[in-house]
């Protein structure tokens, strides 16, 4: 399973960020050009390791707030696809600002079954492609927390 997270402005409806959770032999999240940090998930070149259900909940909480919703799109993949996506994410390297979706779509484009994804900068376009794939499960996550209320779940669970 892979899960695309798309952060969308509640004011303009435009996409603001993309992240990709990869369930392979290990569970990682590729958060290219992201600002997410969590002490118990080691990070290297925008890849966060050890993404437990708690860590994923904190990742979602970090992004969802009064000015941003999060679209979560879970897509079944084969074990071979998941391993290849994880390998490519780890090899990609640190991503410059504003290139989150470009990095994710570049990684996916060469994976068997993902050839039709458009490589580009726009988070909502990637989300629309995911939405059109058979078997995708989509969930809209909203949160009315104030914008300066990051890591609420992390702080509460200490």
N, C-alpha and C. Protein backbone atom coordinates (compact mmCIF):
# COMPACT_ATOMS: atom_id res chain seq x y z
N UNK A 1 0.84 -1.18 0.00
CA UNK A 1 0.00 0.00 0.00
C UNK A 1 0.89 1.24 0.00
N UNK A 2 0.52 2.21 -0.80
CA UNK A 2 1.13 3.53 -0.70
C UNK A 2 -0.01 4.51 -0.44
N UNK A 3 0.32 5.61 0.22
CA UNK A 3 -0.69 6.61 0.55
C UNK A 3 -0.14 7.97 0.18
N UNK A 4 -0.88 8.66 -0.69
CA UNK A 4 -0.52 10.03 -1.05
C UNK A 4 -1.27 10.97 -0.13
N UNK A 5 -0.54 11.89 0.49
CA UNK A 5 -1.14 12.95 1.29
C UNK A 5 -1.00 14.25 0.51
N UNK A 6 -2.13 14.91 0.28
CA UNK A 6 -2.15 16.18 -0.42
C UNK A 6 -2.72 17.23 0.51
N UNK A 7 -1.95 18.27 0.78
CA UNK A 7 -2.37 19.37 1.64
C UNK A 7 -2.99 20.44 0.74
N UNK A 8 -4.24 20.82 1.07
CA UNK A 8 -5.00 21.74 0.21
C UNK A 8 -5.47 22.94 1.03
N UNK A 9 -5.26 24.12 0.49
CA UNK A 9 -5.70 25.35 1.15
C UNK A 9 -7.22 25.40 1.23
N UNK A 10 -7.74 25.71 2.43
CA UNK A 10 -9.18 25.86 2.59
C UNK A 10 -9.68 27.18 2.01
N UNK A 11 -8.78 28.12 1.82
CA UNK A 11 -9.17 29.43 1.29
C UNK A 11 -9.23 29.42 -0.23
N UNK A 12 -8.18 28.92 -0.88
CA UNK A 12 -8.11 28.99 -2.34
C UNK A 12 -8.42 27.66 -3.03
N UNK A 13 -8.34 26.55 -2.28
CA UNK A 13 -8.54 25.24 -2.89
C UNK A 13 -7.32 24.72 -3.62
N UNK A 14 -6.22 25.47 -3.58
CA UNK A 14 -5.01 25.04 -4.29
C UNK A 14 -4.20 24.06 -3.43
N UNK A 15 -3.45 23.22 -4.12
CA UNK A 15 -2.58 22.27 -3.44
C UNK A 15 -1.35 22.96 -2.90
N UNK A 16 -0.96 22.61 -1.68
CA UNK A 16 0.17 23.26 -1.04
C UNK A 16 1.35 22.33 -0.78
N UNK A 17 1.10 21.01 -0.69
CA UNK A 17 2.18 20.08 -0.36
C UNK A 17 1.73 18.65 -0.65
N UNK A 18 2.70 17.79 -0.93
CA UNK A 18 2.46 16.36 -1.12
C UNK A 18 3.45 15.56 -0.31
N UNK A 19 2.99 14.45 0.25
CA UNK A 19 3.85 13.49 0.93
C UNK A 19 3.40 12.09 0.56
N UNK A 20 4.30 11.11 0.63
CA UNK A 20 3.98 9.75 0.21
C UNK A 20 4.40 8.75 1.28
N UNK A 21 3.41 8.08 1.87
CA UNK A 21 3.65 7.00 2.84
C UNK A 21 3.80 5.71 2.05
N UNK A 22 4.87 4.97 2.34
CA UNK A 22 5.18 3.76 1.60
C UNK A 22 5.25 2.59 2.58
N UNK A 23 4.38 1.61 2.38
CA UNK A 23 4.38 0.41 3.20
C UNK A 23 5.10 -0.68 2.43
N UNK A 24 6.38 -0.82 2.67
CA UNK A 24 7.19 -1.84 2.03
C UNK A 24 7.74 -2.74 3.14
N UNK A 25 8.96 -3.22 3.02
CA UNK A 25 9.53 -4.04 4.09
C UNK A 25 9.71 -3.21 5.36
N UNK A 26 9.77 -1.90 5.19
CA UNK A 26 9.70 -0.96 6.32
C UNK A 26 8.72 0.13 5.93
N UNK A 27 8.15 0.78 6.91
CA UNK A 27 7.15 1.82 6.66
C UNK A 27 7.83 3.18 6.77
N UNK A 28 7.86 3.88 5.63
CA UNK A 28 8.52 5.19 5.58
C UNK A 28 7.58 6.21 4.97
N UNK A 29 7.88 7.48 5.22
CA UNK A 29 7.16 8.53 4.51
C UNK A 29 8.20 9.41 3.82
N UNK A 30 7.94 9.65 2.55
CA UNK A 30 8.76 10.57 1.77
C UNK A 30 8.04 11.90 1.84
N UNK A 31 8.65 12.85 2.53
CA UNK A 31 8.06 14.18 2.75
C UNK A 31 8.97 15.21 2.08
N UNK A 32 9.01 15.19 0.75
CA UNK A 32 9.97 16.04 0.03
C UNK A 32 9.73 17.52 0.27
N UNK A 33 10.80 18.23 0.56
CA UNK A 33 10.75 19.68 0.82
C UNK A 33 9.85 20.01 2.00
N UNK A 34 9.58 19.04 2.84
CA UNK A 34 8.69 19.25 3.98
C UNK A 34 9.40 19.79 5.21
N UNK A 35 8.60 20.27 6.15
CA UNK A 35 9.13 20.82 7.39
C UNK A 35 8.79 19.95 8.59
N UNK A 36 8.15 18.81 8.35
CA UNK A 36 7.74 17.90 9.41
C UNK A 36 8.96 17.33 10.13
N UNK A 37 8.91 17.33 11.45
CA UNK A 37 9.95 16.72 12.28
C UNK A 37 9.29 15.98 13.43
N UNK A 38 9.86 14.86 13.79
CA UNK A 38 9.36 14.09 14.92
C UNK A 38 10.54 13.34 15.52
N UNK A 39 10.82 13.54 16.82
CA UNK A 39 12.03 12.96 17.42
C UNK A 39 12.16 11.45 17.29
N UNK A 40 11.04 10.72 17.26
CA UNK A 40 11.15 9.26 17.22
C UNK A 40 11.04 8.69 15.80
N UNK A 41 11.11 9.55 14.78
CA UNK A 41 11.18 9.06 13.39
C UNK A 41 12.43 9.65 12.75
N UNK A 42 13.51 8.89 12.72
CA UNK A 42 14.73 9.39 12.11
C UNK A 42 14.48 9.80 10.66
N UNK A 43 15.15 10.87 10.23
CA UNK A 43 14.95 11.40 8.88
C UNK A 43 16.27 11.52 8.17
N UNK A 44 16.27 11.16 6.89
CA UNK A 44 17.44 11.36 6.04
C UNK A 44 16.95 11.73 4.65
N UNK A 45 17.37 12.90 4.17
CA UNK A 45 17.02 13.35 2.83
C UNK A 45 15.51 13.29 2.56
N UNK A 46 14.74 13.81 3.48
CA UNK A 46 13.28 13.91 3.37
C UNK A 46 12.54 12.58 3.50
N UNK A 47 13.23 11.52 3.89
CA UNK A 47 12.60 10.24 4.17
C UNK A 47 12.59 10.04 5.68
N UNK A 48 11.38 9.82 6.22
CA UNK A 48 11.21 9.57 7.65
C UNK A 48 11.00 8.07 7.84
N UNK A 49 11.77 7.47 8.73
CA UNK A 49 11.73 6.04 8.99
C UNK A 49 10.91 5.78 10.26
N UNK A 50 10.38 4.55 10.37
CA UNK A 50 9.65 4.16 11.57
C UNK A 50 8.29 4.82 11.68
N UNK A 51 7.56 4.88 10.58
CA UNK A 51 6.25 5.54 10.58
C UNK A 51 5.18 4.62 11.14
N UNK A 52 5.10 4.61 12.45
CA UNK A 52 4.08 3.86 13.17
C UNK A 52 2.72 4.55 12.97
N UNK A 53 1.63 3.90 13.34
CA UNK A 53 0.33 4.58 13.26
C UNK A 53 0.33 5.92 14.03
N UNK A 54 1.01 5.96 15.17
CA UNK A 54 1.10 7.20 15.95
C UNK A 54 1.84 8.28 15.16
N UNK A 55 2.95 7.91 14.53
CA UNK A 55 3.73 8.87 13.75
C UNK A 55 2.92 9.39 12.56
N UNK A 56 2.17 8.51 11.92
CA UNK A 56 1.32 8.94 10.79
C UNK A 56 0.25 9.91 11.29
N UNK A 57 -0.34 9.62 12.43
CA UNK A 57 -1.35 10.53 13.00
C UNK A 57 -0.76 11.91 13.29
N UNK A 58 0.47 11.94 13.77
CA UNK A 58 1.12 13.22 14.04
C UNK A 58 1.42 13.93 12.72
N UNK A 59 1.83 13.19 11.71
CA UNK A 59 2.09 13.78 10.39
C UNK A 59 0.82 14.45 9.85
N UNK A 60 -0.29 13.75 9.94
CA UNK A 60 -1.57 14.31 9.47
C UNK A 60 -1.95 15.53 10.30
N UNK A 61 -1.82 15.42 11.62
CA UNK A 61 -2.18 16.53 12.50
C UNK A 61 -1.31 17.75 12.23
N UNK A 62 -0.06 17.53 11.89
CA UNK A 62 0.87 18.63 11.59
C UNK A 62 0.38 19.44 10.39
N UNK A 63 -0.21 18.76 9.42
CA UNK A 63 -0.62 19.43 8.19
C UNK A 63 -2.07 19.92 8.20
N UNK A 64 -2.97 19.20 8.83
CA UNK A 64 -4.38 19.58 8.83
C UNK A 64 -4.64 20.63 9.91
N UNK A 65 -5.21 21.75 9.50
CA UNK A 65 -5.53 22.84 10.44
C UNK A 65 -6.56 23.74 9.76
N UNK A 66 -6.91 24.83 10.42
CA UNK A 66 -8.00 25.66 9.91
C UNK A 66 -7.76 26.15 8.49
N UNK A 67 -6.55 26.34 8.08
CA UNK A 67 -6.30 26.86 6.73
C UNK A 67 -5.91 25.77 5.72
N UNK A 68 -5.79 24.52 6.17
CA UNK A 68 -5.43 23.43 5.26
C UNK A 68 -6.17 22.14 5.60
N UNK A 69 -6.72 21.49 4.59
CA UNK A 69 -7.25 20.14 4.70
C UNK A 69 -6.22 19.18 4.13
N UNK A 70 -6.37 17.92 4.45
CA UNK A 70 -5.47 16.90 3.92
C UNK A 70 -6.32 15.85 3.21
N UNK A 71 -5.95 15.54 1.97
CA UNK A 71 -6.57 14.45 1.24
C UNK A 71 -5.65 13.25 1.38
N UNK A 72 -6.19 12.16 1.92
CA UNK A 72 -5.44 10.91 2.09
C UNK A 72 -5.95 9.93 1.05
N UNK A 73 -5.04 9.41 0.20
CA UNK A 73 -5.42 8.47 -0.85
C UNK A 73 -4.57 7.22 -0.76
N UNK A 74 -5.21 6.15 -0.32
CA UNK A 74 -4.53 4.87 -0.17
C UNK A 74 -4.70 4.06 -1.44
N UNK A 75 -3.57 3.56 -1.96
CA UNK A 75 -3.60 2.81 -3.21
C UNK A 75 -2.87 1.49 -3.03
N UNK A 76 -3.57 0.37 -3.26
CA UNK A 76 -2.90 -0.92 -3.16
C UNK A 76 -1.85 -1.07 -4.26
N UNK A 77 -0.69 -1.60 -3.89
CA UNK A 77 0.38 -1.90 -4.84
C UNK A 77 0.94 -3.28 -4.50
N UNK A 78 1.70 -3.84 -5.40
CA UNK A 78 2.34 -5.12 -5.11
C UNK A 78 3.54 -4.89 -4.18
N UNK A 79 3.99 -5.96 -3.57
CA UNK A 79 5.18 -5.86 -2.70
C UNK A 79 6.38 -5.37 -3.52
N UNK A 80 6.50 -5.84 -4.74
CA UNK A 80 7.61 -5.43 -5.61
C UNK A 80 7.53 -3.94 -5.92
N UNK A 81 6.34 -3.43 -6.22
CA UNK A 81 6.17 -2.00 -6.48
C UNK A 81 6.53 -1.19 -5.24
N UNK A 82 6.03 -1.62 -4.07
CA UNK A 82 6.29 -0.89 -2.83
C UNK A 82 7.79 -0.83 -2.54
N UNK A 83 8.50 -1.94 -2.72
CA UNK A 83 9.94 -1.96 -2.48
C UNK A 83 10.67 -1.03 -3.44
N UNK A 84 10.26 -1.03 -4.69
CA UNK A 84 10.90 -0.18 -5.69
C UNK A 84 10.64 1.30 -5.40
N UNK A 85 9.42 1.63 -5.01
CA UNK A 85 9.08 3.03 -4.67
C UNK A 85 9.91 3.47 -3.46
N UNK A 86 10.00 2.62 -2.44
CA UNK A 86 10.79 2.95 -1.25
C UNK A 86 12.26 3.14 -1.61
N UNK A 87 12.79 2.27 -2.44
CA UNK A 87 14.19 2.37 -2.87
C UNK A 87 14.43 3.69 -3.60
N UNK A 88 13.54 4.04 -4.51
CA UNK A 88 13.69 5.28 -5.27
C UNK A 88 13.56 6.52 -4.37
N UNK A 89 12.67 6.46 -3.39
CA UNK A 89 12.52 7.59 -2.45
C UNK A 89 13.82 7.78 -1.65
N UNK A 90 14.39 6.69 -1.17
CA UNK A 90 15.63 6.78 -0.39
C UNK A 90 16.80 7.28 -1.23
N UNK A 91 16.80 6.96 -2.50
CA UNK A 91 17.89 7.36 -3.39
C UNK A 91 17.72 8.77 -3.95
N UNK A 92 16.54 9.34 -3.84
CA UNK A 92 16.25 10.61 -4.51
C UNK A 92 17.08 11.76 -3.97
N UNK A 93 17.27 11.80 -2.68
CA UNK A 93 18.02 12.91 -2.07
C UNK A 93 17.10 14.00 -1.57
N UNK A 94 17.67 14.95 -0.86
CA UNK A 94 16.89 16.06 -0.30
C UNK A 94 16.29 16.88 -1.44
N UNK A 95 15.07 17.34 -1.24
CA UNK A 95 14.31 18.02 -2.28
C UNK A 95 14.22 19.52 -1.97
N UNK A 96 14.51 20.37 -2.97
CA UNK A 96 14.38 21.81 -2.77
C UNK A 96 12.92 22.22 -2.55
N UNK A 97 12.74 23.36 -1.93
CA UNK A 97 11.39 23.90 -1.67
C UNK A 97 10.59 23.96 -2.96
N UNK A 98 9.28 23.75 -2.84
CA UNK A 98 8.30 23.83 -3.92
C UNK A 98 8.43 22.71 -4.95
N UNK A 99 9.20 21.66 -4.64
CA UNK A 99 9.35 20.56 -5.59
C UNK A 99 8.86 19.23 -5.02
N UNK A 100 7.97 19.28 -4.04
CA UNK A 100 7.50 18.05 -3.39
C UNK A 100 6.79 17.13 -4.39
N UNK A 101 5.84 17.66 -5.12
CA UNK A 101 5.08 16.83 -6.05
C UNK A 101 5.94 16.40 -7.23
N UNK A 102 6.83 17.26 -7.66
CA UNK A 102 7.74 16.90 -8.74
C UNK A 102 8.56 15.68 -8.34
N UNK A 103 9.08 15.67 -7.14
CA UNK A 103 9.88 14.53 -6.66
C UNK A 103 9.05 13.25 -6.60
N UNK A 104 7.85 13.34 -6.04
CA UNK A 104 6.99 12.15 -5.91
C UNK A 104 6.60 11.62 -7.28
N UNK A 105 6.19 12.48 -8.18
CA UNK A 105 5.77 12.00 -9.50
C UNK A 105 6.95 11.46 -10.31
N UNK A 106 8.13 12.03 -10.13
CA UNK A 106 9.33 11.48 -10.80
C UNK A 106 9.62 10.07 -10.30
N UNK A 107 9.50 9.87 -9.00
CA UNK A 107 9.74 8.55 -8.42
C UNK A 107 8.74 7.53 -8.95
N UNK A 108 7.48 7.92 -9.02
CA UNK A 108 6.44 6.98 -9.42
C UNK A 108 6.43 6.70 -10.92
N UNK A 109 6.80 7.66 -11.74
CA UNK A 109 6.68 7.56 -13.20
C UNK A 109 7.35 6.32 -13.78
N UNK A 110 8.48 5.91 -13.24
CA UNK A 110 9.22 4.77 -13.78
C UNK A 110 8.82 3.43 -13.17
N UNK A 111 7.83 3.45 -12.29
CA UNK A 111 7.37 2.21 -11.65
C UNK A 111 6.29 1.59 -12.53
N UNK A 112 6.38 0.30 -12.75
CA UNK A 112 5.37 -0.40 -13.54
C UNK A 112 3.98 -0.15 -12.94
N UNK A 113 3.04 0.27 -13.78
CA UNK A 113 1.69 0.58 -13.33
C UNK A 113 1.46 2.07 -13.10
N UNK A 114 2.54 2.86 -13.07
CA UNK A 114 2.43 4.30 -12.81
C UNK A 114 2.88 5.14 -14.01
N UNK A 115 3.04 4.50 -15.16
CA UNK A 115 3.57 5.20 -16.33
C UNK A 115 2.71 6.38 -16.78
N UNK A 116 1.43 6.34 -16.47
CA UNK A 116 0.52 7.40 -16.95
C UNK A 116 0.45 8.62 -16.03
N UNK A 117 1.14 8.57 -14.90
CA UNK A 117 1.11 9.74 -14.01
C UNK A 117 1.85 10.90 -14.68
N UNK A 118 1.30 12.09 -14.56
CA UNK A 118 1.96 13.27 -15.12
C UNK A 118 3.01 13.78 -14.13
N UNK A 119 4.21 13.93 -14.60
CA UNK A 119 5.29 14.48 -13.77
C UNK A 119 5.11 15.99 -13.73
N UNK A 120 5.05 16.54 -12.53
CA UNK A 120 4.87 17.98 -12.44
C UNK A 120 4.87 18.50 -11.02
N UNK A 121 4.66 19.79 -10.91
CA UNK A 121 4.77 20.52 -9.65
C UNK A 121 3.47 20.61 -8.85
N UNK A 122 2.33 20.24 -9.42
CA UNK A 122 1.05 20.58 -8.81
C UNK A 122 0.45 19.44 -8.00
N UNK A 123 0.35 19.63 -6.67
CA UNK A 123 -0.17 18.58 -5.79
C UNK A 123 -1.56 18.08 -6.17
N UNK A 124 -2.45 18.97 -6.57
CA UNK A 124 -3.81 18.52 -6.88
C UNK A 124 -3.86 17.68 -8.14
N UNK A 125 -2.97 17.92 -9.09
CA UNK A 125 -2.93 17.07 -10.29
C UNK A 125 -2.53 15.64 -9.93
N UNK A 126 -1.55 15.50 -9.06
CA UNK A 126 -1.15 14.17 -8.62
C UNK A 126 -2.31 13.50 -7.88
N UNK A 127 -2.99 14.26 -7.05
CA UNK A 127 -4.14 13.74 -6.31
C UNK A 127 -5.25 13.29 -7.26
N UNK A 128 -5.49 14.06 -8.31
CA UNK A 128 -6.51 13.69 -9.29
C UNK A 128 -6.14 12.39 -10.01
N UNK A 129 -4.85 12.21 -10.32
CA UNK A 129 -4.41 10.98 -10.95
C UNK A 129 -4.65 9.80 -10.00
N UNK A 130 -4.27 9.95 -8.74
CA UNK A 130 -4.50 8.89 -7.75
C UNK A 130 -5.98 8.57 -7.66
N UNK A 131 -6.81 9.59 -7.65
CA UNK A 131 -8.25 9.40 -7.51
C UNK A 131 -8.83 8.55 -8.64
N UNK A 132 -8.22 8.59 -9.80
CA UNK A 132 -8.72 7.85 -10.97
C UNK A 132 -8.24 6.40 -11.01
N UNK A 133 -7.38 6.00 -10.07
CA UNK A 133 -6.83 4.65 -10.10
C UNK A 133 -7.79 3.66 -9.44
N UNK A 134 -7.91 2.46 -10.03
CA UNK A 134 -8.78 1.44 -9.44
C UNK A 134 -8.31 1.05 -8.04
N UNK A 135 -9.23 0.92 -7.13
CA UNK A 135 -8.93 0.48 -5.78
C UNK A 135 -8.51 1.57 -4.81
N UNK A 136 -8.41 2.81 -5.27
CA UNK A 136 -7.99 3.89 -4.37
C UNK A 136 -9.07 4.13 -3.32
N UNK A 137 -8.63 4.39 -2.11
CA UNK A 137 -9.53 4.77 -1.01
C UNK A 137 -9.16 6.18 -0.60
N UNK A 138 -10.13 7.10 -0.70
CA UNK A 138 -9.87 8.51 -0.45
C UNK A 138 -10.61 8.97 0.80
N UNK A 139 -9.92 9.78 1.59
CA UNK A 139 -10.52 10.34 2.80
C UNK A 139 -10.08 11.79 2.90
N UNK A 140 -11.03 12.68 3.18
CA UNK A 140 -10.73 14.09 3.42
C UNK A 140 -10.60 14.30 4.92
N UNK A 141 -9.49 14.89 5.33
CA UNK A 141 -9.22 15.13 6.75
C UNK A 141 -9.27 16.63 6.98
N UNK A 142 -10.15 17.04 7.87
CA UNK A 142 -10.28 18.46 8.21
C UNK A 142 -9.97 18.63 9.69
N UNK A 143 -9.60 19.83 10.05
CA UNK A 143 -9.26 20.14 11.43
C UNK A 143 -9.42 21.64 11.62
N UNK A 144 -10.14 22.03 12.65
CA UNK A 144 -10.33 23.46 12.87
C UNK A 144 -9.34 24.05 13.88
N UNK A 145 -8.25 23.31 14.13
CA UNK A 145 -7.20 23.85 15.01
C UNK A 145 -6.58 25.10 14.39
N UNK A 146 -6.11 25.97 15.25
CA UNK A 146 -5.44 27.19 14.79
C UNK A 146 -4.18 26.82 14.00
N UNK A 147 -3.76 27.72 13.11
CA UNK A 147 -2.59 27.47 12.27
C UNK A 147 -1.32 27.23 13.08
N UNK A 148 -1.19 27.82 14.24
CA UNK A 148 0.03 27.69 15.04
C UNK A 148 -0.12 26.62 16.11
N UNK A 149 -0.78 25.53 15.77
CA UNK A 149 -1.08 24.47 16.72
C UNK A 149 -0.48 23.15 16.25
N UNK A 150 0.79 23.17 15.79
CA UNK A 150 1.44 21.97 15.27
C UNK A 150 1.76 20.97 16.37
N UNK A 151 1.79 19.71 15.96
CA UNK A 151 2.21 18.59 16.81
C UNK A 151 1.37 18.41 18.07
N UNK A 152 0.08 18.67 17.96
CA UNK A 152 -0.82 18.52 19.11
C UNK A 152 -0.83 17.06 19.58
N UNK A 153 -0.93 16.11 18.68
CA UNK A 153 -0.97 14.70 19.07
C UNK A 153 0.35 14.30 19.73
N UNK A 154 1.46 14.78 19.18
CA UNK A 154 2.75 14.44 19.77
C UNK A 154 2.86 14.98 21.18
N UNK A 155 2.50 16.24 21.37
CA UNK A 155 2.59 16.87 22.69
C UNK A 155 1.67 16.16 23.69
N UNK A 156 0.47 15.80 23.24
CA UNK A 156 -0.50 15.18 24.14
C UNK A 156 -0.11 13.76 24.53
N UNK A 157 0.72 13.10 23.72
CA UNK A 157 1.04 11.71 24.00
C UNK A 157 2.36 11.54 24.74
N UNK A 158 3.00 12.60 25.10
CA UNK A 158 4.27 12.50 25.82
C UNK A 158 4.07 11.95 27.20
